[in-house]
């Protein structure tokens, strides 16, 4: 099934991003504003800025050092910031393989410290967690770079609205 077929997903207005630096800055804002327990499904084509966004997220959380995509390791854990960051990349996996990763240990059972879970290629999840936020990155010649903020369930949009209300996202349309 996957996220692409989730009829429940709801979205907020688009955020326009001038360049990759703006994507990084959006990530920093999210790192400063999102709370422990946030699950962020990051969607977009190859080269759309998913890893750049997570690098900004880590910087906003105060996590030092290089942040790279866990394309081959699948999950990187960064524990030294304001909150832990759990960064997964599902690009190389089929939806059935994703189920065997046991990702819910990062948000359900207390096995890990509460933090932010950022999942690149989150649309590969057959059953995304209902509390998940979505951030879809896109680029077109006509529209430029954009981020669409959403959630699996409408009730969870309040998490985005809290970030927006604190002025962390100033270039929304």
Protein backbone atom coordinates (compact mmCIF):
# COMPACT_ATOMS: atom_id res chain seq x y z
CA UNK A 1 0.00 0.00 0.00
CA UNK A 2 2.56 2.61 1.09
CA UNK A 3 2.18 6.28 1.86
CA UNK A 4 1.44 7.22 -1.73
CA UNK A 5 -1.86 5.40 -1.44
CA UNK A 6 -2.83 6.70 2.00
CA UNK A 7 -6.07 8.57 1.45
CA UNK A 8 -5.88 10.01 4.96
CA UNK A 9 -2.80 12.15 4.36
CA UNK A 10 -3.51 15.87 4.69
CA UNK A 11 -1.32 18.81 3.71
CA UNK A 12 -0.61 22.42 4.62
CA UNK A 13 0.35 25.13 2.10
CA UNK A 14 3.62 24.85 0.21
CA UNK A 15 6.88 26.28 1.49
CA UNK A 16 8.98 27.72 -1.35
CA UNK A 17 12.72 27.08 -1.11
CA UNK A 18 15.05 29.30 -3.14
CA UNK A 19 17.96 26.82 -3.18
CA UNK A 20 19.65 24.02 -1.24
CA UNK A 21 20.70 26.51 1.45
CA UNK A 22 17.01 27.27 2.03
CA UNK A 23 16.38 23.52 2.37
CA UNK A 24 19.16 23.34 4.95
CA UNK A 25 17.67 26.33 6.81
CA UNK A 26 14.22 24.71 6.81
CA UNK A 27 15.81 21.65 8.41
CA UNK A 28 17.50 23.83 11.05
CA UNK A 29 14.15 25.45 11.88
CA UNK A 30 12.58 22.04 12.26
CA UNK A 31 15.43 20.89 14.49
CA UNK A 32 14.82 23.87 16.76
CA UNK A 33 11.04 23.47 16.79
CA UNK A 34 10.00 19.83 16.59
CA UNK A 35 9.51 17.90 19.81
CA UNK A 36 10.60 14.49 21.06
CA UNK A 37 8.52 11.71 19.57
CA UNK A 38 8.18 13.37 16.16
CA UNK A 39 8.27 10.95 13.23
CA UNK A 40 9.03 12.79 9.98
CA UNK A 41 8.57 10.97 6.67
CA UNK A 42 10.68 12.78 4.06
CA UNK A 43 9.55 12.22 0.50
CA UNK A 44 10.94 13.29 -2.86
CA UNK A 45 12.82 12.21 -5.93
CA UNK A 46 16.55 11.52 -6.03
CA UNK A 47 18.42 14.79 -5.55
CA UNK A 48 15.41 16.68 -4.19
CA UNK A 49 17.19 17.59 -0.94
CA UNK A 50 16.11 14.94 1.56
CA UNK A 51 19.57 14.44 3.05
CA UNK A 52 20.24 18.20 3.00
CA UNK A 53 17.04 18.68 5.02
CA UNK A 54 18.19 16.08 7.57
CA UNK A 55 21.61 17.76 7.79
CA UNK A 56 19.81 20.97 8.69
CA UNK A 57 17.58 19.13 11.14
CA UNK A 58 20.70 17.78 12.88
CA UNK A 59 22.27 21.25 12.99
CA UNK A 60 19.07 22.66 14.50
CA UNK A 61 19.23 19.94 17.16
CA UNK A 62 22.85 20.89 17.93
CA UNK A 63 24.29 17.63 16.63
CA UNK A 64 27.91 18.15 15.57
CA UNK A 65 29.80 16.62 12.73
CA UNK A 66 29.02 15.25 9.33
CA UNK A 67 25.56 13.85 8.75
CA UNK A 68 25.40 11.46 5.85
CA UNK A 69 22.59 9.48 4.34
CA UNK A 70 22.39 5.94 5.76
CA UNK A 71 21.72 4.49 2.31
CA UNK A 72 23.79 1.39 3.05
CA UNK A 73 23.65 1.28 6.86
CA UNK A 74 19.87 1.98 6.74
CA UNK A 75 19.75 3.77 10.12
CA UNK A 76 22.13 6.25 11.77
CA UNK A 77 21.63 7.27 15.39
CA UNK A 78 22.85 10.64 16.65
CA UNK A 79 22.47 11.00 20.41
CA UNK A 80 24.47 14.13 21.26
CA UNK A 81 22.05 16.98 20.47
CA UNK A 82 19.09 18.66 22.15
CA UNK A 83 17.19 15.48 21.26
CA UNK A 84 18.38 12.25 19.67
CA UNK A 85 18.02 12.01 15.90
CA UNK A 86 17.29 8.65 14.30
CA UNK A 87 17.89 8.92 10.55
CA UNK A 88 16.69 6.11 8.27
CA UNK A 89 16.98 5.80 4.50
CA UNK A 90 14.65 3.29 2.86
CA UNK A 91 15.73 3.93 -0.75
CA UNK A 92 17.26 0.50 -1.33
CA UNK A 93 14.40 -1.43 0.28
CA UNK A 94 11.10 -2.75 -0.97
CA UNK A 95 8.04 -2.05 1.18
CA UNK A 96 8.10 -5.67 2.38
CA UNK A 97 11.76 -5.35 3.45
CA UNK A 98 11.01 -2.16 5.39
CA UNK A 99 8.70 -4.13 7.68
CA UNK A 100 11.70 -6.19 8.89
CA UNK A 101 13.61 -3.11 10.07
CA UNK A 102 11.46 -2.86 13.20
CA UNK A 103 11.43 0.93 12.93
CA UNK A 104 8.59 1.21 15.42
CA UNK A 105 11.12 0.63 18.20
CA UNK A 106 12.06 4.29 17.70
CA UNK A 107 8.57 5.57 18.52
CA UNK A 108 6.53 2.86 20.22
CA UNK A 109 8.08 0.75 22.90
CA UNK A 110 10.59 2.87 24.82
CA UNK A 111 13.55 0.84 23.58
CA UNK A 112 15.30 4.07 22.55
CA UNK A 113 15.47 7.56 24.02
CA UNK A 114 12.63 9.75 22.73
CA UNK A 115 13.86 11.86 19.84
CA UNK A 116 13.10 12.79 16.26
CA UNK A 117 12.85 10.02 13.69
CA UNK A 118 13.61 11.25 10.15
CA UNK A 119 12.87 8.69 7.45
CA UNK A 120 14.01 9.36 3.88
CA UNK A 121 11.87 7.57 1.28
CA UNK A 122 9.16 7.20 3.94
CA UNK A 123 6.66 6.35 1.21
CA UNK A 124 8.21 2.86 1.16
CA UNK A 125 6.48 2.09 4.47
CA UNK A 126 3.45 -0.15 4.10
CA UNK A 127 1.97 1.14 7.34
CA UNK A 128 3.45 4.49 8.35
CA UNK A 129 2.86 5.40 11.98
CA UNK A 130 -0.39 7.34 12.36
CA UNK A 131 1.38 10.13 14.27
CA UNK A 132 3.83 10.77 11.41
CA UNK A 133 4.34 14.13 9.79
CA UNK A 134 5.22 14.24 6.10
CA UNK A 135 7.50 16.61 4.23
CA UNK A 136 7.54 16.17 0.45
CA UNK A 137 10.33 17.93 -1.44
CA UNK A 138 9.93 18.69 -5.13
CA UNK A 139 11.43 20.72 -7.90
CA UNK A 140 10.01 21.95 -11.18
CA UNK A 141 11.13 24.54 -13.73
CA UNK A 142 7.92 26.50 -13.24
CA UNK A 143 7.60 26.33 -9.45
CA UNK A 144 11.22 25.92 -8.32
CA UNK A 145 11.99 24.05 -5.09
CA UNK A 146 9.11 23.40 -2.75
CA UNK A 147 8.27 21.56 0.44
CA UNK A 148 4.77 20.36 1.17
CA UNK A 149 4.12 19.83 4.87
CA UNK A 150 1.53 17.23 5.78
CA UNK A 151 0.51 14.54 8.22
CA UNK A 152 -0.91 11.06 8.04
CA UNK A 153 -3.84 12.17 10.22
CA UNK A 154 -5.33 15.67 10.27
CA UNK A 155 -5.12 15.80 14.07
CA UNK A 156 -1.33 15.77 13.79
CA UNK A 157 -1.18 18.98 11.73
CA UNK A 158 -1.09 20.81 15.06
CA UNK A 159 2.59 19.82 15.31
CA UNK A 160 3.35 21.75 12.10
CA UNK A 161 1.13 24.62 13.19
CA UNK A 162 3.11 24.91 16.43
CA UNK A 163 6.35 25.27 14.43
CA UNK A 164 4.71 27.80 12.08
CA UNK A 165 3.15 29.75 14.96
CA UNK A 166 6.57 30.15 16.55
CA UNK A 167 7.75 31.87 13.37
CA UNK A 168 10.15 29.10 12.43
CA UNK A 169 8.74 28.77 8.92
CA UNK A 170 8.58 32.26 7.50
CA UNK A 171 8.47 31.64 3.76
CA UNK A 172 5.29 29.61 3.52
CA UNK A 173 2.74 30.51 0.88
